[in-house]
Amino acid sequence: MHVAFPRIHVITDTLDVVRGVAGLDDIAVQIRVKSHDAAAYALVVAALEICRPVGTMVLVNDRVGVALAAGADGVHVGADDLPVEAARRVLGPGAIVGATCRTPAAARAAVAAGASYLGAGPAFHTTTKDGLPPPLGPAAIAAVAEAVPGTPVLAIGGITADRVPLLAVHGVAAVSAFAADPKGAAAEFLAVLP
């Protein structure tokens, strides 16, 4: 695993994308599977086989049990998932636990509950996930980051390389940006991140 917390989180359910970014600097892979635990578990195990030898962090979206069973580096929980403190209790003190936050108060609460990093969003309009609240915009994302100094905050939702300079955050997480050309997209994001 890298010494610094990765600034680019690639959210995917495709091993081709995992292969495309594994081993690149400043990258973490977050496996997000919409179907069932068995499919998620199989994908996480396969992703770990690709990522572990090259030191790329593997997180699991929403599914704490899958993360624990597969031996992933951690989990990212949203508002409708297990609370941060419960995920931390299950996975232990050494695991990475990320939480989705939209306000400074929620950010402070998540960090107090044991979150390792936060995802703030949606930053911009996105069609990757249904049922999302309205976009926060750069100012609200910055307010979340400012509320928790020392905790990495990643902007998520509608993230493109040309929008990254608008965001005062540790890094970004994206889904569709990496689908076609994972390696190229990673290089593009790294070039514009501060």
N, C-alpha and C. Protein backbone atom coordinates (compact mmCIF):
# COMPACT_ATOMS: atom_id res chain seq x y z
N MET A 1 0.84 -1.18 0.00
CA MET A 1 0.00 0.00 0.00
C MET A 1 0.89 1.25 0.00
N HIS A 2 0.39 2.31 -0.64
CA HIS A 2 1.16 3.54 -0.70
C HIS A 2 1.20 4.21 0.66
N VAL A 3 2.23 5.00 0.91
CA VAL A 3 2.38 5.67 2.19
C VAL A 3 1.29 6.74 2.34
N ALA A 4 1.11 7.59 1.33
CA ALA A 4 0.08 8.61 1.38
C ALA A 4 -1.25 8.01 0.93
N PHE A 5 -2.35 8.61 1.42
CA PHE A 5 -3.67 8.10 1.02
C PHE A 5 -3.91 8.44 -0.45
N PRO A 6 -4.32 7.44 -1.24
CA PRO A 6 -4.48 7.66 -2.69
C PRO A 6 -5.46 8.79 -3.00
N ARG A 7 -5.07 9.62 -3.98
CA ARG A 7 -5.91 10.78 -4.34
C ARG A 7 -6.92 10.45 -5.43
N ILE A 8 -6.78 9.31 -6.08
CA ILE A 8 -7.73 8.94 -7.13
C ILE A 8 -8.34 7.58 -6.77
N HIS A 9 -9.66 7.57 -6.63
CA HIS A 9 -10.37 6.32 -6.34
C HIS A 9 -11.18 5.94 -7.57
N VAL A 10 -10.87 4.78 -8.10
CA VAL A 10 -11.53 4.28 -9.30
C VAL A 10 -12.63 3.32 -8.86
N ILE A 11 -13.88 3.73 -9.08
CA ILE A 11 -15.02 2.92 -8.66
C ILE A 11 -15.47 2.08 -9.86
N THR A 12 -15.49 0.76 -9.68
CA THR A 12 -15.76 -0.11 -10.83
C THR A 12 -16.35 -1.44 -10.41
N ASP A 13 -16.95 -2.11 -11.39
CA ASP A 13 -17.37 -3.51 -11.21
C ASP A 13 -16.79 -4.36 -12.32
N THR A 14 -15.69 -3.89 -12.90
CA THR A 14 -15.09 -4.53 -14.07
C THR A 14 -13.60 -4.79 -13.85
N LEU A 15 -13.19 -6.04 -14.01
CA LEU A 15 -11.78 -6.38 -13.82
C LEU A 15 -10.88 -5.73 -14.87
N ASP A 16 -11.40 -5.44 -16.05
CA ASP A 16 -10.58 -4.76 -17.06
C ASP A 16 -10.14 -3.40 -16.56
N VAL A 17 -11.04 -2.70 -15.88
CA VAL A 17 -10.68 -1.39 -15.32
C VAL A 17 -9.66 -1.58 -14.20
N VAL A 18 -9.87 -2.58 -13.35
CA VAL A 18 -8.92 -2.87 -12.26
C VAL A 18 -7.52 -3.12 -12.84
N ARG A 19 -7.46 -3.98 -13.87
CA ARG A 19 -6.17 -4.27 -14.51
C ARG A 19 -5.54 -3.00 -15.09
N GLY A 20 -6.38 -2.12 -15.61
CA GLY A 20 -5.89 -0.91 -16.25
C GLY A 20 -5.23 0.08 -15.29
N VAL A 21 -5.65 0.08 -14.03
CA VAL A 21 -5.11 1.06 -13.09
C VAL A 21 -4.23 0.44 -12.00
N ALA A 22 -4.26 -0.88 -11.85
CA ALA A 22 -3.46 -1.53 -10.79
C ALA A 22 -1.99 -1.19 -10.96
N GLY A 23 -1.38 -0.80 -9.87
CA GLY A 23 0.04 -0.50 -9.88
C GLY A 23 0.38 0.95 -10.22
N LEU A 24 -0.60 1.73 -10.64
CA LEU A 24 -0.34 3.15 -10.92
C LEU A 24 -0.21 3.91 -9.60
N ASP A 25 0.54 4.98 -9.61
CA ASP A 25 0.71 5.79 -8.40
C ASP A 25 -0.58 6.49 -8.01
N ASP A 26 -0.80 6.63 -6.71
CA ASP A 26 -1.86 7.47 -6.17
C ASP A 26 -3.27 6.96 -6.50
N ILE A 27 -3.40 5.65 -6.72
CA ILE A 27 -4.68 5.06 -7.12
C ILE A 27 -5.17 4.06 -6.07
N ALA A 28 -6.48 4.11 -5.80
CA ALA A 28 -7.15 3.05 -5.06
C ALA A 28 -8.30 2.55 -5.93
N VAL A 29 -8.63 1.28 -5.77
CA VAL A 29 -9.75 0.69 -6.50
C VAL A 29 -10.87 0.45 -5.50
N GLN A 30 -12.08 0.89 -5.87
CA GLN A 30 -13.24 0.63 -5.04
C GLN A 30 -14.22 -0.22 -5.86
N ILE A 31 -14.47 -1.42 -5.36
CA ILE A 31 -15.36 -2.35 -6.07
C ILE A 31 -16.80 -2.06 -5.66
N ARG A 32 -17.63 -1.74 -6.65
CA ARG A 32 -19.05 -1.48 -6.39
C ARG A 32 -19.87 -2.40 -7.27
N VAL A 33 -20.53 -3.37 -6.62
CA VAL A 33 -21.34 -4.36 -7.33
C VAL A 33 -22.78 -4.18 -6.91
N LYS A 34 -23.66 -4.01 -7.89
CA LYS A 34 -25.07 -3.74 -7.57
C LYS A 34 -25.87 -5.02 -7.32
N SER A 35 -25.38 -6.17 -7.74
CA SER A 35 -26.17 -7.40 -7.61
C SER A 35 -26.07 -7.99 -6.21
N HIS A 36 -25.54 -9.19 -6.06
CA HIS A 36 -25.56 -9.87 -4.77
C HIS A 36 -24.15 -10.06 -4.19
N ASP A 37 -24.12 -10.47 -2.93
CA ASP A 37 -22.85 -10.63 -2.21
C ASP A 37 -21.90 -11.62 -2.87
N ALA A 38 -22.44 -12.71 -3.42
CA ALA A 38 -21.57 -13.72 -4.02
C ALA A 38 -20.80 -13.14 -5.19
N ALA A 39 -21.47 -12.37 -6.04
CA ALA A 39 -20.81 -11.73 -7.18
C ALA A 39 -19.79 -10.70 -6.70
N ALA A 40 -20.18 -9.94 -5.68
CA ALA A 40 -19.27 -8.92 -5.14
C ALA A 40 -18.02 -9.58 -4.55
N TYR A 41 -18.23 -10.65 -3.80
CA TYR A 41 -17.11 -11.35 -3.17
C TYR A 41 -16.13 -11.88 -4.24
N ALA A 42 -16.67 -12.53 -5.26
CA ALA A 42 -15.82 -13.09 -6.32
C ALA A 42 -15.02 -11.99 -7.01
N LEU A 43 -15.65 -10.85 -7.27
CA LEU A 43 -14.97 -9.75 -7.93
C LEU A 43 -13.89 -9.14 -7.04
N VAL A 44 -14.18 -8.99 -5.75
CA VAL A 44 -13.19 -8.42 -4.83
C VAL A 44 -11.98 -9.35 -4.71
N VAL A 45 -12.21 -10.64 -4.60
CA VAL A 45 -11.10 -11.61 -4.52
C VAL A 45 -10.24 -11.51 -5.78
N ALA A 46 -10.87 -11.45 -6.94
CA ALA A 46 -10.13 -11.34 -8.20
C ALA A 46 -9.37 -10.01 -8.26
N ALA A 47 -10.00 -8.93 -7.81
CA ALA A 47 -9.33 -7.62 -7.80
C ALA A 47 -8.12 -7.62 -6.87
N LEU A 48 -8.26 -8.28 -5.72
CA LEU A 48 -7.14 -8.36 -4.77
C LEU A 48 -5.96 -9.13 -5.38
N GLU A 49 -6.26 -10.18 -6.14
CA GLU A 49 -5.19 -10.95 -6.79
C GLU A 49 -4.40 -10.08 -7.78
N ILE A 50 -5.08 -9.13 -8.40
CA ILE A 50 -4.44 -8.22 -9.35
C ILE A 50 -3.71 -7.10 -8.60
N CYS A 51 -4.34 -6.56 -7.57
CA CYS A 51 -3.85 -5.33 -6.92
C CYS A 51 -2.82 -5.56 -5.82
N ARG A 52 -2.96 -6.62 -5.04
CA ARG A 52 -2.06 -6.83 -3.90
C ARG A 52 -0.59 -6.87 -4.31
N PRO A 53 -0.24 -7.63 -5.36
CA PRO A 53 1.18 -7.73 -5.71
C PRO A 53 1.81 -6.39 -6.13
N VAL A 54 0.97 -5.45 -6.59
CA VAL A 54 1.52 -4.16 -7.05
C VAL A 54 1.21 -3.02 -6.08
N GLY A 55 0.64 -3.36 -4.90
CA GLY A 55 0.46 -2.37 -3.85
C GLY A 55 -0.70 -1.42 -4.02
N THR A 56 -1.70 -1.81 -4.80
CA THR A 56 -2.86 -0.93 -5.00
C THR A 56 -3.94 -1.27 -3.97
N MET A 57 -4.43 -0.24 -3.27
CA MET A 57 -5.47 -0.40 -2.25
C MET A 57 -6.78 -0.85 -2.90
N VAL A 58 -7.47 -1.81 -2.24
CA VAL A 58 -8.78 -2.27 -2.71
C VAL A 58 -9.81 -2.06 -1.60
N LEU A 59 -10.83 -1.27 -1.93
CA LEU A 59 -11.93 -1.01 -1.02
C LEU A 59 -13.21 -1.60 -1.61
N VAL A 60 -14.19 -1.85 -0.75
CA VAL A 60 -15.47 -2.38 -1.20
C VAL A 60 -16.55 -1.36 -0.89
N ASN A 61 -17.39 -1.07 -1.86
CA ASN A 61 -18.47 -0.12 -1.68
C ASN A 61 -19.63 -0.81 -0.97
N ASP A 62 -20.09 -0.25 0.13
CA ASP A 62 -21.30 -0.64 0.86
C ASP A 62 -21.23 -1.94 1.65
N ARG A 63 -20.54 -2.95 1.16
CA ARG A 63 -20.67 -4.31 1.70
C ARG A 63 -19.54 -4.66 2.68
N VAL A 64 -19.81 -4.38 3.95
CA VAL A 64 -18.80 -4.60 4.99
C VAL A 64 -18.46 -6.09 5.10
N GLY A 65 -19.47 -6.95 5.03
CA GLY A 65 -19.24 -8.39 5.13
C GLY A 65 -18.37 -8.92 4.01
N VAL A 66 -18.60 -8.42 2.81
CA VAL A 66 -17.79 -8.82 1.66
C VAL A 66 -16.35 -8.35 1.84
N ALA A 67 -16.18 -7.12 2.30
CA ALA A 67 -14.83 -6.58 2.52
C ALA A 67 -14.07 -7.44 3.53
N LEU A 68 -14.75 -7.80 4.61
CA LEU A 68 -14.13 -8.62 5.66
C LEU A 68 -13.80 -10.01 5.14
N ALA A 69 -14.77 -10.64 4.48
CA ALA A 69 -14.59 -12.02 3.99
C ALA A 69 -13.48 -12.11 2.95
N ALA A 70 -13.38 -11.11 2.08
CA ALA A 70 -12.39 -11.16 1.00
C ALA A 70 -11.01 -10.68 1.46
N GLY A 71 -10.97 -10.00 2.59
CA GLY A 71 -9.69 -9.47 3.06
C GLY A 71 -9.29 -8.17 2.36
N ALA A 72 -10.29 -7.38 1.97
CA ALA A 72 -10.01 -6.09 1.31
C ALA A 72 -9.37 -5.13 2.31
N ASP A 73 -8.82 -4.03 1.78
CA ASP A 73 -8.18 -3.03 2.64
C ASP A 73 -9.20 -2.24 3.45
N GLY A 74 -10.45 -2.24 2.98
CA GLY A 74 -11.46 -1.50 3.72
C GLY A 74 -12.76 -1.40 2.94
N VAL A 75 -13.58 -0.43 3.36
CA VAL A 75 -14.93 -0.29 2.84
C VAL A 75 -15.28 1.18 2.72
N HIS A 76 -16.23 1.48 1.85
CA HIS A 76 -16.81 2.82 1.80
C HIS A 76 -18.30 2.68 2.05
N VAL A 77 -18.82 3.37 3.07
CA VAL A 77 -20.23 3.27 3.41
C VAL A 77 -20.95 4.57 3.10
N GLY A 78 -22.15 4.42 2.58
CA GLY A 78 -23.00 5.57 2.29
C GLY A 78 -24.05 5.74 3.37
N ALA A 79 -24.95 6.68 3.14
CA ALA A 79 -25.96 7.03 4.13
C ALA A 79 -26.89 5.86 4.46
N ASP A 80 -27.12 4.97 3.50
CA ASP A 80 -28.05 3.86 3.72
C ASP A 80 -27.37 2.56 4.11
N ASP A 81 -26.05 2.61 4.33
CA ASP A 81 -25.29 1.41 4.69
C ASP A 81 -25.08 1.36 6.20
N LEU A 82 -24.29 0.40 6.65
CA LEU A 82 -23.94 0.34 8.07
C LEU A 82 -23.30 1.66 8.50
N PRO A 83 -23.57 2.11 9.73
CA PRO A 83 -22.91 3.32 10.21
C PRO A 83 -21.39 3.12 10.30
N VAL A 84 -20.67 4.23 10.24
CA VAL A 84 -19.20 4.18 10.28
C VAL A 84 -18.70 3.42 11.50
N GLU A 85 -19.27 3.70 12.67
CA GLU A 85 -18.76 3.04 13.89
C GLU A 85 -18.99 1.53 13.83
N ALA A 86 -20.08 1.09 13.21
CA ALA A 86 -20.33 -0.35 13.08
C ALA A 86 -19.35 -0.98 12.11
N ALA A 87 -19.10 -0.32 10.98
CA ALA A 87 -18.13 -0.83 10.01
C ALA A 87 -16.74 -0.90 10.64
N ARG A 88 -16.38 0.12 11.40
CA ARG A 88 -15.08 0.14 12.08
C ARG A 88 -14.99 -1.01 13.07
N ARG A 89 -16.06 -1.26 13.82
CA ARG A 89 -16.07 -2.35 14.81
C ARG A 89 -15.87 -3.70 14.13
N VAL A 90 -16.54 -3.91 13.00
CA VAL A 90 -16.45 -5.18 12.28
C VAL A 90 -15.07 -5.36 11.66
N LEU A 91 -14.55 -4.32 11.02
CA LEU A 91 -13.31 -4.44 10.24
C LEU A 91 -12.04 -4.23 11.07
N GLY A 92 -12.18 -3.60 12.23
CA GLY A 92 -11.02 -3.41 13.11
C GLY A 92 -10.31 -2.10 12.86
N PRO A 93 -9.37 -1.77 13.75
CA PRO A 93 -8.71 -0.46 13.71
C PRO A 93 -7.79 -0.25 12.52
N GLY A 94 -7.32 -1.32 11.91
CA GLY A 94 -6.37 -1.17 10.81
C GLY A 94 -7.00 -0.98 9.44
N ALA A 95 -8.32 -1.18 9.35
CA ALA A 95 -9.00 -1.09 8.05
C ALA A 95 -9.25 0.36 7.65
N ILE A 96 -9.38 0.58 6.37
CA ILE A 96 -9.79 1.87 5.84
C ILE A 96 -11.32 1.90 5.84
N VAL A 97 -11.91 2.92 6.43
CA VAL A 97 -13.36 3.07 6.41
C VAL A 97 -13.67 4.46 5.86
N GLY A 98 -14.30 4.48 4.70
CA GLY A 98 -14.71 5.75 4.10
C GLY A 98 -16.19 5.96 4.30
N ALA A 99 -16.61 7.24 4.31
CA ALA A 99 -18.02 7.57 4.50
C ALA A 99 -18.41 8.69 3.55
N THR A 100 -19.64 8.63 3.08
CA THR A 100 -20.17 9.68 2.22
C THR A 100 -20.76 10.79 3.09
N CYS A 101 -20.39 12.03 2.79
CA CYS A 101 -20.89 13.18 3.56
C CYS A 101 -21.26 14.31 2.61
N ARG A 102 -22.27 15.10 3.02
CA ARG A 102 -22.70 16.25 2.21
C ARG A 102 -22.56 17.57 2.95
N THR A 103 -22.34 17.52 4.26
CA THR A 103 -22.27 18.76 5.04
C THR A 103 -21.07 18.72 5.98
N PRO A 104 -20.60 19.89 6.41
CA PRO A 104 -19.51 19.92 7.39
C PRO A 104 -19.86 19.17 8.67
N ALA A 105 -21.10 19.29 9.14
CA ALA A 105 -21.50 18.59 10.38
C ALA A 105 -21.43 17.08 10.20
N ALA A 106 -21.92 16.59 9.05
CA ALA A 106 -21.86 15.15 8.79
C ALA A 106 -20.41 14.69 8.67
N ALA A 107 -19.56 15.52 8.10
CA ALA A 107 -18.15 15.18 7.96
C ALA A 107 -17.49 15.04 9.32
N ARG A 108 -17.73 16.01 10.19
CA ARG A 108 -17.15 15.94 11.54
C ARG A 108 -17.66 14.72 12.30
N ALA A 109 -18.94 14.42 12.16
CA ALA A 109 -19.53 13.26 12.84
C ALA A 109 -18.91 11.95 12.33
N ALA A 110 -18.72 11.85 11.02
CA ALA A 110 -18.16 10.63 10.44
C ALA A 110 -16.72 10.41 10.91
N VAL A 111 -15.94 11.48 10.95
CA VAL A 111 -14.55 11.37 11.42
C VAL A 111 -14.53 10.99 12.90
N ALA A 112 -15.42 11.60 13.68
CA ALA A 112 -15.49 11.27 15.11
C ALA A 112 -15.88 9.81 15.32
N ALA A 113 -16.66 9.26 14.38
CA ALA A 113 -17.10 7.87 14.48
C ALA A 113 -16.05 6.89 13.98
N GLY A 114 -14.96 7.41 13.40
CA GLY A 114 -13.88 6.51 12.99
C GLY A 114 -13.61 6.44 11.51
N ALA A 115 -14.17 7.35 10.71
CA ALA A 115 -13.91 7.33 9.26
C ALA A 115 -12.46 7.69 8.97
N SER A 116 -11.85 6.96 8.03
CA SER A 116 -10.47 7.22 7.60
C SER A 116 -10.41 8.32 6.55
N TYR A 117 -11.46 8.38 5.73
CA TYR A 117 -11.55 9.39 4.67
C TYR A 117 -13.02 9.61 4.37
N LEU A 118 -13.32 10.67 3.63
CA LEU A 118 -14.70 10.99 3.30
C LEU A 118 -14.85 11.15 1.79
N GLY A 119 -16.01 10.76 1.30
CA GLY A 119 -16.42 11.06 -0.07
C GLY A 119 -17.49 12.12 0.00
N ALA A 120 -17.32 13.24 -0.69
CA ALA A 120 -18.30 14.33 -0.66
C ALA A 120 -18.92 14.47 -2.04
N GLY A 121 -20.24 14.46 -2.08
CA GLY A 121 -20.86 14.59 -3.38
C GLY A 121 -22.35 14.34 -3.35
N PRO A 122 -22.98 14.38 -4.53
CA PRO A 122 -22.31 14.59 -5.82
C PRO A 122 -21.81 16.02 -5.98
N ALA A 123 -20.59 16.14 -6.47
CA ALA A 123 -19.99 17.44 -6.69
C ALA A 123 -20.69 18.16 -7.84
N PHE A 124 -20.95 17.41 -8.91
CA PHE A 124 -21.59 17.93 -10.10
C PHE A 124 -22.69 16.97 -10.52
N HIS A 125 -23.48 17.36 -11.51
CA HIS A 125 -24.53 16.47 -12.02
C HIS A 125 -23.88 15.20 -12.59
N THR A 126 -24.49 14.06 -12.29
CA THR A 126 -23.99 12.79 -12.80
C THR A 126 -25.15 11.87 -13.14
N THR A 127 -24.94 10.99 -14.09
CA THR A 127 -25.98 10.01 -14.45
C THR A 127 -25.53 8.60 -14.06
N THR A 128 -24.39 8.49 -13.35
CA THR A 128 -23.85 7.17 -13.02
C THR A 128 -24.66 6.46 -11.94
N LYS A 129 -25.30 7.23 -11.06
CA LYS A 129 -26.04 6.63 -9.95
C LYS A 129 -27.41 7.30 -9.86
N ASP A 130 -28.45 6.50 -9.71
CA ASP A 130 -29.81 7.03 -9.64
C ASP A 130 -30.14 7.54 -8.24
N GLY A 131 -31.09 8.47 -8.18
CA GLY A 131 -31.64 8.89 -6.89
C GLY A 131 -30.73 9.77 -6.06
N LEU A 132 -29.76 10.40 -6.67
CA LEU A 132 -28.85 11.25 -5.91
C LEU A 132 -29.48 12.61 -5.62
N PRO A 133 -29.08 13.24 -4.52
CA PRO A 133 -29.54 14.60 -4.25
C PRO A 133 -28.90 15.58 -5.25
N PRO A 134 -29.35 16.84 -5.24
CA PRO A 134 -28.79 17.82 -6.17
C PRO A 134 -27.28 17.98 -5.95
N PRO A 135 -26.55 18.35 -7.01
CA PRO A 135 -25.10 18.54 -6.88
C PRO A 135 -24.76 19.59 -5.83
N LEU A 136 -23.67 19.36 -5.11
CA LEU A 136 -23.22 20.29 -4.08
C LEU A 136 -22.52 21.51 -4.67
N GLY A 137 -21.72 21.27 -5.70
CA GLY A 137 -20.91 22.36 -6.25
C GLY A 137 -19.61 22.51 -5.48
N PRO A 138 -18.62 23.19 -6.10
CA PRO A 138 -17.29 23.30 -5.50
C PRO A 138 -17.25 23.96 -4.12
N ALA A 139 -18.06 24.99 -3.87
CA ALA A 139 -18.00 25.69 -2.57
C ALA A 139 -18.43 24.77 -1.43
N ALA A 140 -19.51 24.02 -1.63
CA ALA A 140 -19.98 23.12 -0.57
C ALA A 140 -19.03 21.96 -0.36
N ILE A 141 -18.41 21.48 -1.43
CA ILE A 141 -17.40 20.42 -1.31
C ILE A 141 -16.21 20.94 -0.49
N ALA A 142 -15.78 22.16 -0.78
CA ALA A 142 -14.67 22.77 -0.04
C ALA A 142 -15.01 22.92 1.44
N ALA A 143 -16.26 23.27 1.74
CA ALA A 143 -16.68 23.44 3.13
C ALA A 143 -16.60 22.11 3.89
N VAL A 144 -16.96 21.02 3.23
CA VAL A 144 -16.85 19.70 3.85
C VAL A 144 -15.38 19.41 4.15
N ALA A 145 -14.50 19.66 3.18
CA ALA A 145 -13.07 19.39 3.36
C ALA A 145 -12.48 20.25 4.48
N GLU A 146 -12.89 21.52 4.53
CA GLU A 146 -12.36 22.43 5.56
C GLU A 146 -12.81 22.03 6.96
N ALA A 147 -13.93 21.33 7.06
CA ALA A 147 -14.49 20.94 8.37
C ALA A 147 -13.67 19.85 9.04
N VAL A 148 -12.88 19.11 8.26
CA VAL A 148 -12.14 17.97 8.81
C VAL A 148 -10.68 18.02 8.38
N PRO A 149 -9.94 19.04 8.83
CA PRO A 149 -8.53 19.13 8.44
C PRO A 149 -7.77 17.87 8.86
N GLY A 150 -6.91 17.40 7.97
CA GLY A 150 -6.14 16.20 8.27
C GLY A 150 -6.81 14.92 7.82
N THR A 151 -8.09 14.99 7.43
CA THR A 151 -8.80 13.81 6.91
C THR A 151 -8.94 13.97 5.40
N PRO A 152 -8.51 12.99 4.62
CA PRO A 152 -8.66 13.09 3.17
C PRO A 152 -10.13 13.15 2.77
N VAL A 153 -10.46 14.12 1.93
CA VAL A 153 -11.81 14.24 1.38
C VAL A 153 -11.71 14.11 -0.14
N LEU A 154 -12.53 13.21 -0.68
CA LEU A 154 -12.57 12.98 -2.12
C LEU A 154 -13.89 13.49 -2.67
N ALA A 155 -13.83 14.27 -3.73
CA ALA A 155 -15.05 14.70 -4.41
C ALA A 155 -15.51 13.57 -5.33
N ILE A 156 -16.81 13.34 -5.38
CA ILE A 156 -17.37 12.31 -6.24
C ILE A 156 -18.63 12.86 -6.91
N GLY A 157 -18.90 12.38 -8.11
CA GLY A 157 -20.12 12.77 -8.82
C GLY A 157 -19.82 13.74 -9.94
N GLY A 158 -19.89 13.28 -11.16
CA GLY A 158 -19.67 14.16 -12.31
C GLY A 158 -18.23 14.64 -12.43
N ILE A 159 -17.30 13.86 -11.92
CA ILE A 159 -15.88 14.28 -11.90
C ILE A 159 -15.26 14.05 -13.28
N THR A 160 -14.74 15.13 -13.84
CA THR A 160 -13.98 15.08 -15.08
C THR A 160 -12.68 15.85 -14.85
N ALA A 161 -11.69 15.58 -15.66
CA ALA A 161 -10.39 16.21 -15.45
C ALA A 161 -10.48 17.74 -15.51
N ASP A 162 -11.34 18.27 -16.38
CA ASP A 162 -11.43 19.73 -16.48
C ASP A 162 -12.11 20.36 -15.27
N ARG A 163 -12.85 19.57 -14.48
CA ARG A 163 -13.50 20.10 -13.28
C ARG A 163 -12.62 19.99 -12.03
N VAL A 164 -11.61 19.13 -12.07
CA VAL A 164 -10.77 18.90 -10.88
C VAL A 164 -10.16 20.19 -10.33
N PRO A 165 -9.64 21.10 -11.16
CA PRO A 165 -9.05 22.33 -10.61
C PRO A 165 -10.05 23.20 -9.83
N LEU A 166 -11.36 22.98 -10.01
CA LEU A 166 -12.37 23.75 -9.28
C LEU A 166 -12.53 23.25 -7.85
N LEU A 167 -11.98 22.08 -7.54
CA LEU A 167 -12.25 21.40 -6.29
C LEU A 167 -11.07 21.50 -5.32
N ALA A 168 -11.35 22.04 -4.13
CA ALA A 168 -10.32 22.15 -3.10
C ALA A 168 -10.41 20.94 -2.17
N VAL A 169 -9.93 19.80 -2.66
CA VAL A 169 -10.03 18.54 -1.92
C VAL A 169 -8.74 17.73 -2.06
N HIS A 170 -8.64 16.66 -1.26
CA HIS A 170 -7.48 15.77 -1.31
C HIS A 170 -7.42 15.04 -2.64
N GLY A 171 -8.60 14.64 -3.15
CA GLY A 171 -8.61 13.85 -4.37
C GLY A 171 -10.02 13.68 -4.91
N VAL A 172 -10.16 12.73 -5.83
CA VAL A 172 -11.44 12.50 -6.50
C VAL A 172 -11.73 11.01 -6.61
N ALA A 173 -13.02 10.72 -6.73
CA ALA A 173 -13.47 9.35 -7.00
C ALA A 173 -14.39 9.43 -8.21
N ALA A 174 -14.27 8.48 -9.10
CA ALA A 174 -15.08 8.52 -10.31
C ALA A 174 -15.36 7.12 -10.81
N VAL A 175 -16.46 7.00 -11.55
CA VAL A 175 -16.87 5.73 -12.13
C VAL A 175 -16.68 5.77 -13.64
N SER A 176 -17.54 6.53 -14.32
CA SER A 176 -17.57 6.49 -15.78
C SER A 176 -16.31 7.05 -16.42
N ALA A 177 -15.63 7.96 -15.73
CA ALA A 177 -14.42 8.56 -16.30
C ALA A 177 -13.36 7.50 -16.63
N PHE A 178 -13.40 6.35 -15.93
CA PHE A 178 -12.37 5.33 -16.11
C PHE A 178 -12.80 4.17 -17.00
N ALA A 179 -14.05 4.18 -17.44
CA ALA A 179 -14.59 3.01 -18.14
C ALA A 179 -13.88 2.71 -19.46
N ALA A 180 -13.66 3.73 -20.28
CA ALA A 180 -13.12 3.49 -21.62
C ALA A 180 -11.60 3.31 -21.63
N ASP A 181 -10.90 4.18 -20.91
CA ASP A 181 -9.43 4.17 -20.92
C ASP A 181 -8.91 4.41 -19.50
N PRO A 182 -8.92 3.36 -18.67
CA PRO A 182 -8.57 3.54 -17.26
C PRO A 182 -7.20 4.19 -17.05
N LYS A 183 -6.20 3.69 -17.75
CA LYS A 183 -4.84 4.21 -17.56
C LYS A 183 -4.72 5.66 -18.02
N GLY A 184 -5.31 5.97 -19.17
CA GLY A 184 -5.29 7.33 -19.69
C GLY A 184 -6.02 8.30 -18.78
N ALA A 185 -7.18 7.87 -18.26
CA ALA A 185 -7.96 8.72 -17.36
C ALA A 185 -7.18 8.99 -16.07
N ALA A 186 -6.52 7.96 -15.55
CA ALA A 186 -5.73 8.13 -14.33
C ALA A 186 -4.62 9.15 -14.55
N ALA A 187 -3.93 9.06 -15.66
CA ALA A 187 -2.86 10.01 -15.98
C ALA A 187 -3.41 11.44 -16.10
N GLU A 188 -4.58 11.55 -16.73
CA GLU A 188 -5.22 12.86 -16.91
C GLU A 188 -5.57 13.49 -15.55
N PHE A 189 -6.14 12.69 -14.66
CA PHE A 189 -6.48 13.19 -13.32
C PHE A 189 -5.24 13.55 -12.52
N LEU A 190 -4.22 12.70 -12.57
CA LEU A 190 -2.99 12.99 -11.82
C LEU A 190 -2.36 14.30 -12.28
N ALA A 191 -2.48 14.58 -13.56
CA ALA A 191 -1.87 15.79 -14.12
C ALA A 191 -2.54 17.06 -13.58
N VAL A 192 -3.82 16.98 -13.24
CA VAL A 192 -4.54 18.19 -12.80
C VAL A 192 -4.77 18.27 -11.30
N LEU A 193 -4.52 17.20 -10.57
CA LEU A 193 -4.65 17.26 -9.11
C LEU A 193 -3.51 18.09 -8.53
N PRO A 194 -3.82 18.90 -7.52
CA PRO A 194 -2.76 19.74 -6.93
C PRO A 194 -1.67 18.91 -6.25
